[in-house]
Amino acid sequence: MKKTGHSLVIVLALVGSISSTAAFAARDAATMIAQEKENQKVSDERTASRAAPAAGTPRKIVLPLDHGPRAETTPGANRKRLSAAQAAAVASSPVRFSSN
């Protein structure tokens, strides 16, 4: 009985290990390369759509910080920048700021 019990345990362990090897199987190289190409395409499309604003949509005006202990500019300078940016948006010409 002892020999039969040990044999049964060994057989069950071998069957269990063989059936669980499918869980460790990986994708083949061709599938991985194809997936990487698809991922790169999607990434490029997202980057292109984010980089170029759609035609007719106004660009958001971002002003430097004008308050706090490390202010980069003053509220008056920001008002001038905002009015220049709004005038440029109306004229559809690029905005150029002089450095203070």
PDB file of N, CA and C in Angstrom:
ATOM      1  N   MET A   1       0.819  -1.188   0.000  1.00  0.00           N
ATOM      2  CA  MET A   1       0.000   0.000   0.000  1.00  0.00           C
ATOM      3  C   MET A   1       0.862   1.250   0.000  1.00  0.00           C
ATOM      4  N   LYS A   2       1.997   1.168   0.752  1.00  0.00           N
ATOM      5  CA  LYS A   2       2.856   2.335   0.798  1.00  0.00           C
ATOM      6  C   LYS A   2       3.402   2.682  -0.584  1.00  0.00           C
ATOM      7  N   LYS A   3       3.807   1.648  -1.328  1.00  0.00           N
ATOM      8  CA  LYS A   3       4.360   1.876  -2.650  1.00  0.00           C
ATOM      9  C   LYS A   3       3.298   2.434  -3.601  1.00  0.00           C
ATOM     10  N   THR A   4       2.097   1.936  -3.506  1.00  0.00           N
ATOM     11  CA  THR A   4       1.015   2.396  -4.368  1.00  0.00           C
ATOM     12  C   THR A   4       0.645   3.842  -4.030  1.00  0.00           C
ATOM     13  N   GLY A   5       0.659   4.186  -2.787  1.00  0.00           N
ATOM     14  CA  GLY A   5       0.347   5.553  -2.359  1.00  0.00           C
ATOM     15  C   GLY A   5       1.383   6.546  -2.855  1.00  0.00           C
ATOM     16  N   HIS A   6       2.674   6.160  -2.739  1.00  0.00           N
ATOM     17  CA  HIS A   6       3.737   7.040  -3.241  1.00  0.00           C
ATOM     18  C   HIS A   6       3.668   7.180  -4.753  1.00  0.00           C
ATOM     19  N   SER A   7       3.379   6.090  -5.426  1.00  0.00           N
ATOM     20  CA  SER A   7       3.272   6.128  -6.893  1.00  0.00           C
ATOM     21  C   SER A   7       2.121   7.028  -7.315  1.00  0.00           C
ATOM     22  N   LEU A   8       1.018   6.920  -6.615  1.00  0.00           N
ATOM     23  CA  LEU A   8      -0.148   7.737  -6.934  1.00  0.00           C
ATOM     24  C   LEU A   8       0.153   9.223  -6.733  1.00  0.00           C
ATOM     25  N   VAL A   9       0.825   9.558  -5.671  1.00  0.00           N
ATOM     26  CA  VAL A   9       1.185  10.952  -5.405  1.00  0.00           C
ATOM     27  C   VAL A   9       2.131  11.468  -6.487  1.00  0.00           C
ATOM     28  N   ILE A  10       3.103  10.673  -6.876  1.00  0.00           N
ATOM     29  CA  ILE A  10       4.061  11.088  -7.908  1.00  0.00           C
ATOM     30  C   ILE A  10       3.354  11.291  -9.246  1.00  0.00           C
ATOM     31  N   VAL A  11       2.467  10.379  -9.609  1.00  0.00           N
ATOM     32  CA  VAL A  11       1.731  10.501 -10.874  1.00  0.00           C
ATOM     33  C   VAL A  11       0.854  11.751 -10.854  1.00  0.00           C
ATOM     34  N   LEU A  12       0.172  11.980  -9.769  1.00  0.00           N
ATOM     35  CA  LEU A  12      -0.678  13.178  -9.681  1.00  0.00           C
ATOM     36  C   LEU A  12       0.151  14.461  -9.745  1.00  0.00           C
ATOM     37  N   ALA A  13       1.318  14.455  -9.118  1.00  0.00           N
ATOM     38  CA  ALA A  13       2.183  15.627  -9.171  1.00  0.00           C
ATOM     39  C   ALA A  13       2.679  15.881 -10.583  1.00  0.00           C
ATOM     40  N   LEU A  14       3.042  14.833 -11.305  1.00  0.00           N
ATOM     41  CA  LEU A  14       3.494  14.990 -12.696  1.00  0.00           C
ATOM     42  C   LEU A  14       2.375  15.487 -13.590  1.00  0.00           C
ATOM     43  N   VAL A  15       1.182  14.921 -13.445  1.00  0.00           N
ATOM     44  CA  VAL A  15       0.039  15.357 -14.260  1.00  0.00           C
ATOM     45  C   VAL A  15      -0.289  16.814 -13.966  1.00  0.00           C
ATOM     46  N   GLY A  16      -0.257  17.187 -12.696  1.00  0.00           N
ATOM     47  CA  GLY A  16      -0.546  18.574 -12.331  1.00  0.00           C
ATOM     48  C   GLY A  16       0.488  19.535 -12.880  1.00  0.00           C
ATOM     49  N   SER A  17       1.759  19.138 -12.858  1.00  0.00           N
ATOM     50  CA  SER A  17       2.798  20.038 -13.368  1.00  0.00           C
ATOM     51  C   SER A  17       2.732  20.164 -14.874  1.00  0.00           C
ATOM     52  N   ILE A  18       2.392  19.084 -15.562  1.00  0.00           N
ATOM     53  CA  ILE A  18       2.293  19.137 -17.027  1.00  0.00           C
ATOM     54  C   ILE A  18       1.096  19.990 -17.434  1.00  0.00           C
ATOM     55  N   SER A  19      -0.020  19.864 -16.745  1.00  0.00           N
ATOM     56  CA  SER A  19      -1.212  20.632 -17.119  1.00  0.00           C
ATOM     57  C   SER A  19      -1.064  22.113 -16.768  1.00  0.00           C
ATOM     58  N   SER A  20      -0.197  22.444 -15.828  1.00  0.00           N
ATOM     59  CA  SER A  20      -0.042  23.855 -15.450  1.00  0.00           C
ATOM     60  C   SER A  20       1.003  24.578 -16.284  1.00  0.00           C
ATOM     61  N   THR A  21       1.727  23.873 -17.154  1.00  0.00           N
ATOM     62  CA  THR A  21       2.727  24.561 -17.979  1.00  0.00           C
ATOM     63  C   THR A  21       2.081  25.498 -18.981  1.00  0.00           C
ATOM     64  N   ALA A  22       0.837  25.274 -19.350  1.00  0.00           N
ATOM     65  CA  ALA A  22       0.157  26.176 -20.283  1.00  0.00           C
ATOM     66  C   ALA A  22       0.007  27.570 -19.677  1.00  0.00           C
ATOM     67  N   ALA A  23      -0.043  27.665 -18.373  1.00  0.00           N
ATOM     68  CA  ALA A  23      -0.164  28.967 -17.724  1.00  0.00           C
ATOM     69  C   ALA A  23       1.109  29.782 -17.880  1.00  0.00           C
ATOM     70  N   PHE A  24       2.231  29.131 -18.124  1.00  0.00           N
ATOM     71  CA  PHE A  24       3.496  29.839 -18.278  1.00  0.00           C
ATOM     72  C   PHE A  24       3.834  30.123 -19.731  1.00  0.00           C
ATOM     73  N   ALA A  25       3.003  29.703 -20.660  1.00  0.00           N
ATOM     74  CA  ALA A  25       3.273  29.909 -22.077  1.00  0.00           C
ATOM     75  C   ALA A  25       3.153  31.390 -22.410  1.00  0.00           C
ATOM     76  N   ALA A  26       4.045  31.871 -23.239  1.00  0.00           N
ATOM     77  CA  ALA A  26       4.047  33.281 -23.634  1.00  0.00           C
ATOM     78  C   ALA A  26       3.614  33.412 -25.088  1.00  0.00           C
ATOM     79  N   ARG A  27       3.380  34.658 -25.505  1.00  0.00           N
ATOM     80  CA  ARG A  27       3.058  34.899 -26.905  1.00  0.00           C
ATOM     81  C   ARG A  27       4.293  34.639 -27.745  1.00  0.00           C
ATOM     82  N   ASP A  28       4.088  34.279 -28.993  1.00  0.00           N
ATOM     83  CA  ASP A  28       5.239  34.076 -29.854  1.00  0.00           C
ATOM     84  C   ASP A  28       5.766  35.421 -30.347  1.00  0.00           C
ATOM     85  N   ALA A  29       6.938  35.413 -30.935  1.00  0.00           N
ATOM     86  CA  ALA A  29       7.614  36.654 -31.331  1.00  0.00           C
ATOM     87  C   ALA A  29       6.821  37.433 -32.367  1.00  0.00           C
ATOM     88  N   ALA A  30       6.209  36.751 -33.317  1.00  0.00           N
ATOM     89  CA  ALA A  30       5.452  37.441 -34.370  1.00  0.00           C
ATOM     90  C   ALA A  30       4.268  38.202 -33.783  1.00  0.00           C
ATOM     91  N   THR A  31       3.585  37.603 -32.835  1.00  0.00           N
ATOM     92  CA  THR A  31       2.453  38.268 -32.196  1.00  0.00           C
ATOM     93  C   THR A  31       2.922  39.483 -31.413  1.00  0.00           C
ATOM     94  N   MET A  32       4.038  39.354 -30.725  1.00  0.00           N
ATOM     95  CA  MET A  32       4.561  40.480 -29.945  1.00  0.00           C
ATOM     96  C   MET A  32       4.981  41.633 -30.854  1.00  0.00           C
ATOM     97  N   ILE A  33       5.621  41.336 -31.972  1.00  0.00           N
ATOM     98  CA  ILE A  33       6.051  42.384 -32.908  1.00  0.00           C
ATOM     99  C   ILE A  33       4.842  43.080 -33.515  1.00  0.00           C
ATOM    100  N   ALA A  34       3.832  42.305 -33.908  1.00  0.00           N
ATOM    101  CA  ALA A  34       2.620  42.900 -34.477  1.00  0.00           C
ATOM    102  C   ALA A  34       1.926  43.795 -33.463  1.00  0.00           C
ATOM    103  N   GLN A  35       1.874  43.369 -32.207  1.00  0.00           N
ATOM    104  CA  GLN A  35       1.234  44.179 -31.177  1.00  0.00           C
ATOM    105  C   GLN A  35       2.015  45.465 -30.931  1.00  0.00           C
ATOM    106  N   GLU A  36       3.341  45.391 -30.948  1.00  0.00           N
ATOM    107  CA  GLU A  36       4.162  46.596 -30.762  1.00  0.00           C
ATOM    108  C   GLU A  36       3.926  47.594 -31.888  1.00  0.00           C
ATOM    109  N   LYS A  37       3.798  47.105 -33.124  1.00  0.00           N
ATOM    110  CA  LYS A  37       3.527  48.005 -34.258  1.00  0.00           C
ATOM    111  C   LYS A  37       2.174  48.689 -34.101  1.00  0.00           C
ATOM    112  N   GLU A  38       1.164  47.929 -33.690  1.00  0.00           N
ATOM    113  CA  GLU A  38      -0.162  48.508 -33.467  1.00  0.00           C
ATOM    114  C   GLU A  38      -0.125  49.545 -32.341  1.00  0.00           C
ATOM    115  N   ASN A  39       0.582  49.231 -31.277  1.00  0.00           N
ATOM    116  CA  ASN A  39       0.696  50.172 -30.160  1.00  0.00           C
ATOM    117  C   ASN A  39       1.392  51.451 -30.603  1.00  0.00           C
ATOM    118  N   GLN A  40       2.429  51.333 -31.439  1.00  0.00           N
ATOM    119  CA  GLN A  40       3.143  52.508 -31.930  1.00  0.00           C
ATOM    120  C   GLN A  40       2.241  53.362 -32.814  1.00  0.00           C
ATOM    121  N   LYS A  41       1.420  52.718 -33.659  1.00  0.00           N
ATOM    122  CA  LYS A  41       0.492  53.458 -34.513  1.00  0.00           C
ATOM    123  C   LYS A  41      -0.488  54.269 -33.679  1.00  0.00           C
ATOM    124  N   VAL A  42      -1.068  53.620 -32.676  1.00  0.00           N
ATOM    125  CA  VAL A  42      -2.038  54.297 -31.817  1.00  0.00           C
ATOM    126  C   VAL A  42      -1.372  55.445 -31.068  1.00  0.00           C
ATOM    127  N   SER A  43      -0.157  55.223 -30.602  1.00  0.00           N
ATOM    128  CA  SER A  43       0.572  56.267 -29.886  1.00  0.00           C
ATOM    129  C   SER A  43       0.858  57.454 -30.798  1.00  0.00           C
ATOM    130  N   ASP A  44       1.269  57.190 -32.030  1.00  0.00           N
ATOM    131  CA  ASP A  44       1.537  58.270 -32.980  1.00  0.00           C
ATOM    132  C   ASP A  44       0.271  59.060 -33.304  1.00  0.00           C
ATOM    133  N   GLU A  45      -0.842  58.360 -33.468  1.00  0.00           N
ATOM    134  CA  GLU A  45      -2.094  59.050 -33.766  1.00  0.00           C
ATOM    135  C   GLU A  45      -2.525  59.943 -32.602  1.00  0.00           C
ATOM    136  N   ARG A  46      -2.373  59.448 -31.377  1.00  0.00           N
ATOM    137  CA  ARG A  46      -2.747  60.252 -30.217  1.00  0.00           C
ATOM    138  C   ARG A  46      -1.845  61.474 -30.087  1.00  0.00           C
ATOM    139  N   THR A  47      -0.557  61.291 -30.328  1.00  0.00           N
ATOM    140  CA  THR A  47       0.379  62.410 -30.244  1.00  0.00           C
ATOM    141  C   THR A  47       0.049  63.461 -31.292  1.00  0.00           C
ATOM    142  N   ALA A  48      -0.247  63.019 -32.509  1.00  0.00           N
ATOM    143  CA  ALA A  48      -0.582  63.961 -33.578  1.00  0.00           C
ATOM    144  C   ALA A  48      -1.873  64.712 -33.275  1.00  0.00           C
ATOM    145  N   SER A  49      -2.861  64.024 -32.714  1.00  0.00           N
ATOM    146  CA  SER A  49      -4.132  64.696 -32.436  1.00  0.00           C
ATOM    147  C   SER A  49      -3.992  65.690 -31.280  1.00  0.00           C
ATOM    148  N   ARG A  50      -3.090  65.403 -30.348  1.00  0.00           N
ATOM    149  CA  ARG A  50      -2.891  66.333 -29.230  1.00  0.00           C
ATOM    150  C   ARG A  50      -2.023  67.520 -29.628  1.00  0.00           C
ATOM    151  N   ALA A  51      -1.079  67.310 -30.522  1.00  0.00           N
ATOM    152  CA  ALA A  51      -0.132  68.364 -30.880  1.00  0.00           C
ATOM    153  C   ALA A  51      -0.790  69.450 -31.723  1.00  0.00           C
ATOM    154  N   ALA A  52      -1.603  69.058 -32.678  1.00  0.00           N
ATOM    155  CA  ALA A  52      -2.222  70.031 -33.581  1.00  0.00           C
ATOM    156  C   ALA A  52      -3.657  70.293 -33.139  1.00  0.00           C
ATOM    157  N   PRO A  53      -3.969  71.532 -32.790  1.00  0.00           N
ATOM    158  CA  PRO A  53      -5.358  71.818 -32.437  1.00  0.00           C
ATOM    159  C   PRO A  53      -6.241  71.734 -33.676  1.00  0.00           C
ATOM    160  N   ALA A  54      -7.482  71.380 -33.483  1.00  0.00           N
ATOM    161  CA  ALA A  54      -8.409  71.279 -34.596  1.00  0.00           C
ATOM    162  C   ALA A  54      -8.636  72.659 -35.200  1.00  0.00           C
ATOM    163  N   ALA A  55      -8.939  72.683 -36.475  1.00  0.00           N
ATOM    164  CA  ALA A  55      -9.156  73.944 -37.172  1.00  0.00           C
ATOM    165  C   ALA A  55     -10.359  74.655 -36.565  1.00  0.00           C
ATOM    166  N   GLY A  56     -10.181  75.910 -36.277  1.00  0.00           N
ATOM    167  CA  GLY A  56     -11.275  76.706 -35.758  1.00  0.00           C
ATOM    168  C   GLY A  56     -11.385  76.718 -34.241  1.00  0.00           C
ATOM    169  N   THR A  57     -10.609  75.891 -33.559  1.00  0.00           N
ATOM    170  CA  THR A  57     -10.671  75.908 -32.099  1.00  0.00           C
ATOM    171  C   THR A  57      -9.623  76.875 -31.559  1.00  0.00           C
ATOM    172  N   PRO A  58     -10.012  77.729 -30.649  1.00  0.00           N
ATOM    173  CA  PRO A  58      -9.051  78.691 -30.105  1.00  0.00           C
ATOM    174  C   PRO A  58      -8.053  78.001 -29.176  1.00  0.00           C
ATOM    175  N   ARG A  59      -6.816  78.487 -29.188  1.00  0.00           N
ATOM    176  CA  ARG A  59      -5.794  77.963 -28.292  1.00  0.00           C
ATOM    177  C   ARG A  59      -5.951  78.630 -26.934  1.00  0.00           C
ATOM    178  N   LYS A  60      -5.713  77.880 -25.902  1.00  0.00           N
ATOM    179  CA  LYS A  60      -5.841  78.395 -24.549  1.00  0.00           C
ATOM    180  C   LYS A  60      -4.662  79.313 -24.254  1.00  0.00           C
ATOM    181  N   ILE A  61      -4.946  80.452 -23.656  1.00  0.00           N
ATOM    182  CA  ILE A  61      -3.908  81.410 -23.304  1.00  0.00           C
ATOM    183  C   ILE A  61      -3.406  81.075 -21.907  1.00  0.00           C
ATOM    184  N   VAL A  62      -2.117  80.793 -21.776  1.00  0.00           N
ATOM    185  CA  VAL A  62      -1.520  80.451 -20.499  1.00  0.00           C
ATOM    186  C   VAL A  62      -0.614  81.600 -20.074  1.00  0.00           C
ATOM    187  N   LEU A  63      -0.905  82.172 -18.920  1.00  0.00           N
ATOM    188  CA  LEU A  63      -0.137  83.304 -18.421  1.00  0.00           C
ATOM    189  C   LEU A  63       0.777  82.865 -17.284  1.00  0.00           C
ATOM    190  N   PRO A  64       1.929  83.540 -17.127  1.00  0.00           N
ATOM    191  CA  PRO A  64       2.811  83.193 -16.013  1.00  0.00           C
ATOM    192  C   PRO A  64       2.195  83.584 -14.668  1.00  0.00           C
ATOM    193  N   LEU A  65       2.684  82.971 -13.617  1.00  0.00           N
ATOM    194  CA  LEU A  65       2.189  83.203 -12.271  1.00  0.00           C
ATOM    195  C   LEU A  65       2.436  84.661 -11.860  1.00  0.00           C
ATOM    196  N   ASP A  66       1.382  85.351 -11.405  1.00  0.00           N
ATOM    197  CA  ASP A  66       1.532  86.759 -11.038  1.00  0.00           C
ATOM    198  C   ASP A  66       1.248  87.024  -9.564  1.00  0.00           C
ATOM    199  N   HIS A  67       1.284  85.983  -8.733  1.00  0.00           N
ATOM    200  CA  HIS A  67       1.065  86.177  -7.309  1.00  0.00           C
ATOM    201  C   HIS A  67       1.867  85.137  -6.534  1.00  0.00           C
ATOM    202  N   GLY A  68       2.020  85.365  -5.264  1.00  0.00           N
ATOM    203  CA  GLY A  68       2.734  84.412  -4.420  1.00  0.00           C
ATOM    204  C   GLY A  68       4.175  84.839  -4.179  1.00  0.00           C
ATOM    205  N   PRO A  69       4.903  84.068  -3.389  1.00  0.00           N
ATOM    206  CA  PRO A  69       6.267  84.454  -3.017  1.00  0.00           C
ATOM    207  C   PRO A  69       7.251  84.389  -4.186  1.00  0.00           C
ATOM    208  N   ARG A  70       6.952  83.594  -5.208  1.00  0.00           N
ATOM    209  CA  ARG A  70       7.873  83.488  -6.356  1.00  0.00           C
ATOM    210  C   ARG A  70       7.154  83.860  -7.652  1.00  0.00           C
ATOM    211  N   ALA A  71       6.511  84.989  -7.657  1.00  0.00           N
ATOM    212  CA  ALA A  71       5.775  85.435  -8.830  1.00  0.00           C
ATOM    213  C   ALA A  71       6.725  85.673  -9.987  1.00  0.00           C
ATOM    214  N   GLU A  72       6.308  85.246 -11.166  1.00  0.00           N
ATOM    215  CA  GLU A  72       7.141  85.396 -12.351  1.00  0.00           C
ATOM    216  C   GLU A  72       6.873  86.704 -13.079  1.00  0.00           C
ATOM    217  N   THR A  73       5.766  87.324 -12.811  1.00  0.00           N
ATOM    218  CA  THR A  73       5.393  88.556 -13.490  1.00  0.00           C
ATOM    219  C   THR A  73       4.454  89.352 -12.581  1.00  0.00           C
ATOM    220  N   THR A  74       3.882  90.391 -13.099  1.00  0.00           N
ATOM    221  CA  THR A  74       2.948  91.210 -12.326  1.00  0.00           C
ATOM    222  C   THR A  74       1.551  91.115 -12.937  1.00  0.00           C
ATOM    223  N   PRO A  75       0.524  91.443 -12.165  1.00  0.00           N
ATOM    224  CA  PRO A  75      -0.822  91.409 -12.732  1.00  0.00           C
ATOM    225  C   PRO A  75      -0.989  92.361 -13.919  1.00  0.00           C
ATOM    226  N   GLY A  76      -0.331  93.513 -13.855  1.00  0.00           N
ATOM    227  CA  GLY A  76      -0.421  94.464 -14.974  1.00  0.00           C
ATOM    228  C   GLY A  76       0.195  93.893 -16.246  1.00  0.00           C
ATOM    229  N   ALA A  77       1.337  93.231 -16.110  1.00  0.00           N
ATOM    230  CA  ALA A  77       1.980  92.628 -17.282  1.00  0.00           C
ATOM    231  C   ALA A  77       1.109  91.505 -17.845  1.00  0.00           C
ATOM    232  N   ASN A  78       0.455  90.760 -16.956  1.00  0.00           N
ATOM    233  CA  ASN A  78      -0.433  89.699 -17.434  1.00  0.00           C
ATOM    234  C   ASN A  78      -1.648  90.265 -18.167  1.00  0.00           C
ATOM    235  N   ARG A  79      -2.167  91.405 -17.705  1.00  0.00           N
ATOM    236  CA  ARG A  79      -3.279  92.038 -18.422  1.00  0.00           C
ATOM    237  C   ARG A  79      -2.845  92.445 -19.821  1.00  0.00           C
ATOM    238  N   LYS A  80      -1.626  92.978 -19.951  1.00  0.00           N
ATOM    239  CA  LYS A  80      -1.115  93.349 -21.280  1.00  0.00           C
ATOM    240  C   LYS A  80      -0.944  92.115 -22.156  1.00  0.00           C
ATOM    241  N   ARG A  81      -0.407  91.049 -21.587  1.00  0.00           N
ATOM    242  CA  ARG A  81      -0.228  89.812 -22.357  1.00  0.00           C
ATOM    243  C   ARG A  81      -1.570  89.263 -22.814  1.00  0.00           C
ATOM    244  N   LEU A  82      -2.551  89.279 -21.925  1.00  0.00           N
ATOM    245  CA  LEU A  82      -3.876  88.772 -22.256  1.00  0.00           C
ATOM    246  C   LEU A  82      -4.526  89.591 -23.364  1.00  0.00           C
ATOM    247  N   SER A  83      -4.436  90.901 -23.276  1.00  0.00           N
ATOM    248  CA  SER A  83      -5.048  91.734 -24.322  1.00  0.00           C
ATOM    249  C   SER A  83      -4.316  91.553 -25.652  1.00  0.00           C
ATOM    250  N   ALA A  84      -2.978  91.385 -25.624  1.00  0.00           N
ATOM    251  CA  ALA A  84      -2.228  91.144 -26.859  1.00  0.00           C
ATOM    252  C   ALA A  84      -2.593  89.793 -27.457  1.00  0.00           C
ATOM    253  N   ALA A  85      -2.776  88.784 -26.608  1.00  0.00           N
ATOM    254  CA  ALA A  85      -3.136  87.462 -27.107  1.00  0.00           C
ATOM    255  C   ALA A  85      -4.539  87.458 -27.691  1.00  0.00           C
ATOM    256  N   GLN A  86      -5.454  88.188 -27.053  1.00  0.00           N
ATOM    257  CA  GLN A  86      -6.818  88.265 -27.579  1.00  0.00           C
ATOM    258  C   GLN A  86      -6.839  89.016 -28.900  1.00  0.00           C
ATOM    259  N   ALA A  87      -6.054  90.085 -29.005  1.00  0.00           N
ATOM    260  CA  ALA A  87      -5.990  90.829 -30.263  1.00  0.00           C
ATOM    261  C   ALA A  87      -5.378  89.962 -31.361  1.00  0.00           C
ATOM    262  N   ALA A  88      -4.364  89.169 -31.005  1.00  0.00           N
ATOM    263  CA  ALA A  88      -3.739  88.283 -31.988  1.00  0.00           C
ATOM    264  C   ALA A  88      -4.695  87.182 -32.418  1.00  0.00           C
ATOM    265  N   ALA A  89      -5.514  86.694 -31.489  1.00  0.00           N
ATOM    266  CA  ALA A  89      -6.484  85.664 -31.846  1.00  0.00           C
ATOM    267  C   ALA A  89      -7.523  86.219 -32.811  1.00  0.00           C
ATOM    268  N   VAL A  90      -7.902  87.462 -32.601  1.00  0.00           N
ATOM    269  CA  VAL A  90      -8.870  88.085 -33.504  1.00  0.00           C
ATOM    270  C   VAL A  90      -8.232  88.284 -34.876  1.00  0.00           C
ATOM    271  N   ALA A  91      -6.974  88.699 -34.900  1.00  0.00           N
ATOM    272  CA  ALA A  91      -6.282  88.939 -36.162  1.00  0.00           C
ATOM    273  C   ALA A  91      -5.721  87.651 -36.761  1.00  0.00           C
ATOM    274  N   SER A  92      -5.771  86.539 -36.018  1.00  0.00           N
ATOM    275  CA  SER A  92      -5.239  85.241 -36.450  1.00  0.00           C
ATOM    276  C   SER A  92      -3.772  85.308 -36.843  1.00  0.00           C
ATOM    277  N   SER A  93      -3.022  86.079 -36.092  1.00  0.00           N
ATOM    278  CA  SER A  93      -1.585  86.142 -36.325  1.00  0.00           C
ATOM    279  C   SER A  93      -0.886  85.605 -35.085  1.00  0.00           C
ATOM    280  N   PRO A  94       0.348  85.099 -35.223  1.00  0.00           N
ATOM    281  CA  PRO A  94       1.053  84.566 -34.055  1.00  0.00           C
ATOM    282  C   PRO A  94       1.342  85.649 -33.029  1.00  0.00           C
ATOM    283  N   VAL A  95       1.315  85.262 -31.770  1.00  0.00           N
ATOM    284  CA  VAL A  95       1.548  86.182 -30.667  1.00  0.00           C
ATOM    285  C   VAL A  95       3.039  86.217 -30.347  1.00  0.00           C
ATOM    286  N   ARG A  96       3.606  87.403 -30.219  1.00  0.00           N
ATOM    287  CA  ARG A  96       4.997  87.554 -29.834  1.00  0.00           C
ATOM    288  C   ARG A  96       5.056  88.470 -28.616  1.00  0.00           C
ATOM    289  N   PHE A  97       5.692  87.981 -27.578  1.00  0.00           N
ATOM    290  CA  PHE A  97       5.827  88.746 -26.354  1.00  0.00           C
ATOM    291  C   PHE A  97       7.269  89.175 -26.196  1.00  0.00           C
ATOM    292  N   SER A  98       7.438  90.389 -25.676  1.00  0.00           N
ATOM    293  CA  SER A  98       8.788  90.809 -25.340  1.00  0.00           C
ATOM    294  C   SER A  98       9.091  90.378 -23.923  1.00  0.00           C
ATOM    295  N   SER A  99      10.325  89.975 -23.662  1.00  0.00           N
ATOM    296  CA  SER A  99      10.677  89.550 -22.315  1.00  0.00           C
ATOM    297  C   SER A  99      10.863  90.763 -21.427  1.00  0.00           C
ATOM    298  N   ASN A 100      10.401  90.645 -20.180  1.00  0.00           N
ATOM    299  CA  ASN A 100      10.494  91.773 -19.238  1.00  0.00           C
ATOM    300  C   ASN A 100      11.757  91.696 -18.457  1.00  0.00           C
TER     301      ASN A 100
END
